[in-house]
Amino acid sequence: MTTLTRRALAALAATLLLLVGVAVSASSAAQPTTPVLTGIRTGLNTGFDRVVLDLSGPRPAVAYRLVDELIADGSGEIVWLTGEHFVAVTATPAAAHDGSGAATYPGPVKFRTRNLRNVMAVAVTGDFEGVLSVGLGTRYRSWVRVFTLGAPTRVVIDIGH
């Protein structure tokens, strides 16, 4: 192999590495690091009510608690919501606003769910320090299942009838 060929191959390899690095940084810049809330949907299913949080970005970790009352994140104020029993759901990291502070969820922060059997109302109870909180008011205490799905990212909350 001649010196000219070695130099040409080295230049080609350096160019390829540079292009791969640019492509990787561009793809990671396009994907937000914190998923943001874009919609909330509800649905009546056989045996359970379903509430779906639509998110853009990677899947967050999710958790839920059965609580006596819903508390607004940040302020600590009680969130008044229709229901006899309450489920507090958190997604971390997640937000309902973008990097400039503008809301990413255009819908109401609190609404009734007249089409469901057990879930009576849903409220966004917090968007504070990378934690998105949602509360559900129910007619009666039942089983709860919370999980995430990808492509697109969703948090699914099922409440038994």
Protein backbone atom coordinates (compact mmCIF):
# COMPACT_ATOMS: atom_id res chain seq x y z
CA MET A 1 0.00 0.00 0.00
CA THR A 2 1.42 3.34 -0.99
CA THR A 3 1.63 6.39 1.25
CA LEU A 4 -0.92 8.17 -0.92
CA THR A 5 -3.41 5.30 -0.51
CA ARG A 6 -2.90 5.23 3.27
CA ARG A 7 -3.50 8.99 3.52
CA ALA A 8 -6.63 8.73 1.37
CA LEU A 9 -8.00 5.89 3.55
CA ALA A 10 -7.19 7.80 6.75
CA ALA A 11 -8.95 10.91 5.41
CA LEU A 12 -11.96 8.82 4.39
CA ALA A 13 -12.13 7.17 7.84
CA ALA A 14 -11.89 10.55 9.60
CA THR A 15 -14.67 11.95 7.40
CA LEU A 16 -16.90 8.93 8.14
CA LEU A 17 -16.32 9.27 11.89
CA LEU A 18 -17.18 12.96 11.72
CA LEU A 19 -20.40 12.24 9.78
CA VAL A 20 -21.45 9.49 12.22
CA GLY A 21 -20.85 11.82 15.17
CA VAL A 22 -22.98 14.55 13.58
CA ALA A 23 -25.79 12.05 12.85
CA VAL A 24 -25.77 10.72 16.43
CA SER A 25 -25.87 14.21 17.97
CA ALA A 26 -28.66 15.27 15.59
CA SER A 27 -30.82 12.25 16.44
CA SER A 28 -30.33 12.73 20.19
CA ALA A 29 -31.20 16.43 19.85
CA ALA A 30 -34.45 15.57 18.07
CA GLN A 31 -35.60 13.28 20.90
CA PRO A 32 -36.50 15.25 24.05
CA THR A 33 -34.93 13.92 27.23
CA THR A 34 -38.09 14.56 29.26
CA PRO A 35 -41.37 13.27 27.86
CA VAL A 36 -44.13 15.89 27.65
CA LEU A 37 -47.89 15.47 27.95
CA THR A 38 -49.74 16.11 24.67
CA GLY A 39 -53.18 14.62 25.35
CA ILE A 40 -55.47 12.73 27.72
CA ARG A 41 -58.01 10.20 26.44
CA THR A 42 -60.57 8.05 28.24
CA GLY A 43 -62.37 4.88 27.24
CA LEU A 44 -64.92 2.41 28.57
CA ASN A 45 -63.80 -1.22 28.24
CA THR A 46 -65.32 -4.52 29.32
CA GLY A 47 -64.56 -4.75 33.05
CA PHE A 48 -62.53 -1.56 33.38
CA ASP A 49 -62.22 2.16 32.59
CA ARG A 50 -59.07 3.33 30.81
CA VAL A 51 -57.33 6.72 30.99
CA VAL A 52 -54.44 7.25 28.57
CA LEU A 53 -51.83 10.00 28.87
CA ASP A 54 -50.28 10.68 25.45
CA LEU A 55 -46.63 11.75 25.69
CA SER A 56 -43.92 12.73 23.25
CA GLY A 57 -40.46 11.49 24.14
CA PRO A 58 -39.08 8.45 25.94
CA ARG A 59 -41.07 6.30 28.36
CA PRO A 60 -41.17 7.61 31.94
CA ALA A 61 -41.28 5.54 35.12
CA VAL A 62 -44.81 5.39 36.53
CA ALA A 63 -46.33 4.77 39.96
CA TYR A 64 -49.72 5.10 41.62
CA ARG A 65 -51.19 5.39 45.12
CA LEU A 66 -54.71 5.10 46.48
CA VAL A 67 -55.21 8.29 48.50
CA ASP A 68 -57.89 10.01 50.61
CA GLU A 69 -57.41 13.32 48.82
CA LEU A 70 -55.42 14.67 45.90
CA ILE A 71 -52.67 17.20 46.61
CA ALA A 72 -51.29 19.66 44.03
CA ASP A 73 -47.55 19.24 43.54
CA GLY A 74 -45.55 22.29 44.44
CA SER A 75 -48.28 24.16 46.35
CA GLY A 76 -49.54 21.37 48.61
CA GLU A 77 -53.13 22.58 48.10
CA ILE A 78 -56.01 20.10 48.00
CA VAL A 79 -57.27 19.41 44.47
CA TRP A 80 -61.07 19.16 44.63
CA LEU A 81 -62.25 16.47 42.26
CA THR A 82 -65.51 14.55 41.86
CA GLY A 83 -65.28 11.09 43.40
CA GLU A 84 -65.55 9.03 46.57
CA HIS A 85 -62.06 7.53 46.23
CA PHE A 86 -58.93 8.82 44.55
CA VAL A 87 -55.94 7.46 42.63
CA ALA A 88 -52.76 9.57 42.36
CA VAL A 89 -50.54 8.65 39.39
CA THR A 90 -47.02 9.99 38.81
CA ALA A 91 -44.77 9.82 35.76
CA THR A 92 -41.06 10.60 36.21
CA PRO A 93 -39.37 12.26 34.42
CA ALA A 94 -42.26 13.93 32.59
CA ALA A 95 -43.80 17.38 32.20
CA ALA A 96 -46.80 19.20 30.76
CA HIS A 97 -44.70 22.09 29.46
CA ASP A 98 -41.81 22.56 27.03
CA GLY A 99 -38.37 24.04 27.64
CA SER A 100 -39.69 27.60 27.36
CA GLY A 101 -42.46 26.95 29.89
CA ALA A 102 -45.32 26.82 27.37
CA ALA A 103 -48.03 24.22 28.02
CA THR A 104 -47.80 21.14 25.79
CA TYR A 105 -51.23 19.79 26.77
CA PRO A 106 -53.99 21.94 25.23
CA GLY A 107 -56.90 20.31 27.07
CA PRO A 108 -58.54 21.05 30.42
CA VAL A 109 -56.54 20.37 33.57
CA LYS A 110 -59.68 19.01 35.24
CA PHE A 111 -62.66 17.30 33.58
CA ARG A 112 -65.57 14.93 34.25
CA THR A 113 -65.72 11.53 32.56
CA ARG A 114 -69.44 10.90 32.16
CA ASN A 115 -68.87 8.05 29.68
CA LEU A 116 -67.05 5.82 32.20
CA ARG A 117 -68.51 3.51 34.87
CA ASN A 118 -66.10 3.99 37.78
CA VAL A 119 -63.79 6.92 36.94
CA MET A 120 -65.79 10.11 37.50
CA ALA A 121 -63.14 12.79 36.86
CA VAL A 122 -59.50 13.33 35.88
CA ALA A 123 -57.17 16.20 36.85
CA VAL A 124 -53.58 17.15 36.13
CA THR A 125 -52.46 17.70 39.72
CA GLY A 126 -48.83 18.53 39.15
CA ASP A 127 -46.17 19.53 36.67
CA PHE A 128 -43.30 20.23 39.01
CA GLU A 129 -39.56 19.46 38.92
CA GLY A 130 -39.77 16.69 36.33
CA VAL A 131 -42.77 14.95 37.91
CA LEU A 132 -46.10 14.87 36.10
CA SER A 133 -48.99 14.02 38.44
CA VAL A 134 -52.53 13.07 37.50
CA GLY A 135 -55.42 12.33 39.84
CA LEU A 136 -58.53 10.25 39.20
CA GLY A 137 -61.74 10.40 41.20
CA THR A 138 -63.68 7.11 41.31
CA ARG A 139 -67.14 6.01 42.46
CA TYR A 140 -65.78 3.04 44.39
CA ARG A 141 -62.45 1.47 45.26
CA SER A 142 -61.31 -1.17 42.76
CA TRP A 143 -58.18 -2.65 41.26
CA VAL A 144 -55.72 -0.35 39.48
CA ARG A 145 -53.17 -1.15 36.78
CA VAL A 146 -50.69 1.47 35.50
CA PHE A 147 -48.15 0.81 32.74
CA THR A 148 -46.40 2.45 29.79
CA LEU A 149 -46.46 1.72 26.08
CA GLY A 150 -44.11 2.91 23.36
CA ALA A 151 -44.35 4.01 19.72
CA PRO A 152 -45.99 6.42 20.55
CA THR A 153 -45.29 6.86 24.25
CA ARG A 154 -48.33 6.47 26.51
CA VAL A 155 -49.09 6.03 30.19
CA VAL A 156 -52.10 3.72 30.55
CA ILE A 157 -54.25 3.73 33.71
CA ASP A 158 -56.86 0.99 34.06
CA ILE A 159 -59.44 1.10 36.88
CA GLY A 160 -61.71 -1.92 37.44
CA HIS A 161 -65.49 -1.65 37.47
